[in-house]
């Protein structure tokens, strides 16, 4: 069971990394920007959003980028 959880977390992080690169930001900067904004979405939700709702994910990435620029 623990291995399954670990595997899925790795999958979500990989998906987010690829989706973030498409939008011109690294995974770590995306997560840092989202923490600065106060976004409560977890990696599972974000990875599903990147696949099923690209426009919504783009909006989330834009907010994370704004937070990084404001710093």
Protein backbone atom coordinates (compact mmCIF):
# COMPACT_ATOMS: atom_id res chain seq x y z
CA UNK A 1 0.00 0.00 0.00
CA UNK A 2 2.80 2.44 0.85
CA UNK A 3 4.56 1.66 -2.42
CA UNK A 4 1.38 2.38 -4.35
CA UNK A 5 1.02 5.77 -2.66
CA UNK A 6 4.66 6.55 -3.38
CA UNK A 7 4.29 5.53 -7.03
CA UNK A 8 1.24 7.69 -7.56
CA UNK A 9 2.87 10.71 -5.93
CA UNK A 10 5.82 10.27 -8.29
CA UNK A 11 3.44 10.09 -11.24
CA UNK A 12 1.67 13.29 -10.19
CA UNK A 13 4.98 15.11 -9.76
CA UNK A 14 6.16 13.93 -13.18
CA UNK A 15 2.94 15.09 -14.81
CA UNK A 16 3.14 18.46 -13.09
CA UNK A 17 6.77 18.89 -14.08
CA UNK A 18 5.98 18.31 -17.74
CA UNK A 19 2.89 20.53 -17.67
CA UNK A 20 4.82 23.28 -15.90
CA UNK A 21 7.63 23.13 -18.48
CA UNK A 22 5.03 23.61 -21.23
CA UNK A 23 4.04 26.86 -19.51
CA UNK A 24 7.64 27.98 -19.07
CA UNK A 25 8.17 27.33 -15.36
CA UNK A 26 9.89 24.58 -13.43
CA UNK A 27 8.06 22.22 -11.07
CA UNK A 28 9.78 23.56 -7.98
CA UNK A 29 9.05 27.18 -8.87
CA UNK A 30 5.43 26.27 -9.59
CA UNK A 31 4.99 24.65 -6.17
CA UNK A 32 6.81 27.53 -4.43
CA UNK A 33 4.64 30.10 -6.22
CA UNK A 34 1.47 28.23 -5.28
CA UNK A 35 2.53 28.11 -1.64
CA UNK A 36 3.15 31.88 -1.69
CA UNK A 37 -0.31 32.46 -3.17
CA UNK A 38 -1.87 30.18 -0.55
CA UNK A 39 -3.22 27.61 -2.97
CA UNK A 40 -4.58 24.58 -1.12
CA UNK A 41 -4.73 22.22 -4.13
CA UNK A 42 -2.64 19.09 -3.75
CA UNK A 43 -0.49 17.47 -6.41
CA UNK A 44 -3.18 14.95 -7.34
CA UNK A 45 -5.73 17.65 -8.11
CA UNK A 46 -3.19 19.78 -9.96
CA UNK A 47 -2.05 16.88 -12.16
CA UNK A 48 -5.65 15.97 -13.03
CA UNK A 49 -6.32 19.63 -13.81
CA UNK A 50 -3.30 19.76 -16.10
CA UNK A 51 -4.69 16.82 -18.07
CA UNK A 52 -8.44 17.49 -18.06
CA UNK A 53 -8.61 21.30 -17.81
CA UNK A 54 -5.57 22.87 -19.51
CA UNK A 55 -7.09 26.38 -19.44
CA UNK A 56 -7.68 26.18 -15.70
CA UNK A 57 -4.18 24.87 -15.12
CA UNK A 58 -2.80 27.73 -17.20
CA UNK A 59 -4.63 30.17 -14.91
CA UNK A 60 -3.13 28.49 -11.84
CA UNK A 61 0.35 28.69 -13.37
CA UNK A 62 -0.19 32.38 -14.14
CA UNK A 63 -1.06 33.06 -10.50
CA UNK A 64 2.04 31.20 -9.36
CA UNK A 65 4.19 33.22 -11.77
CA UNK A 66 2.69 36.47 -10.46
CA UNK A 67 3.56 35.46 -6.91
CA UNK A 68 7.14 34.73 -7.91
CA UNK A 69 7.54 38.08 -9.68
CA UNK A 70 6.08 39.98 -6.71
CA UNK A 71 8.69 38.48 -4.39
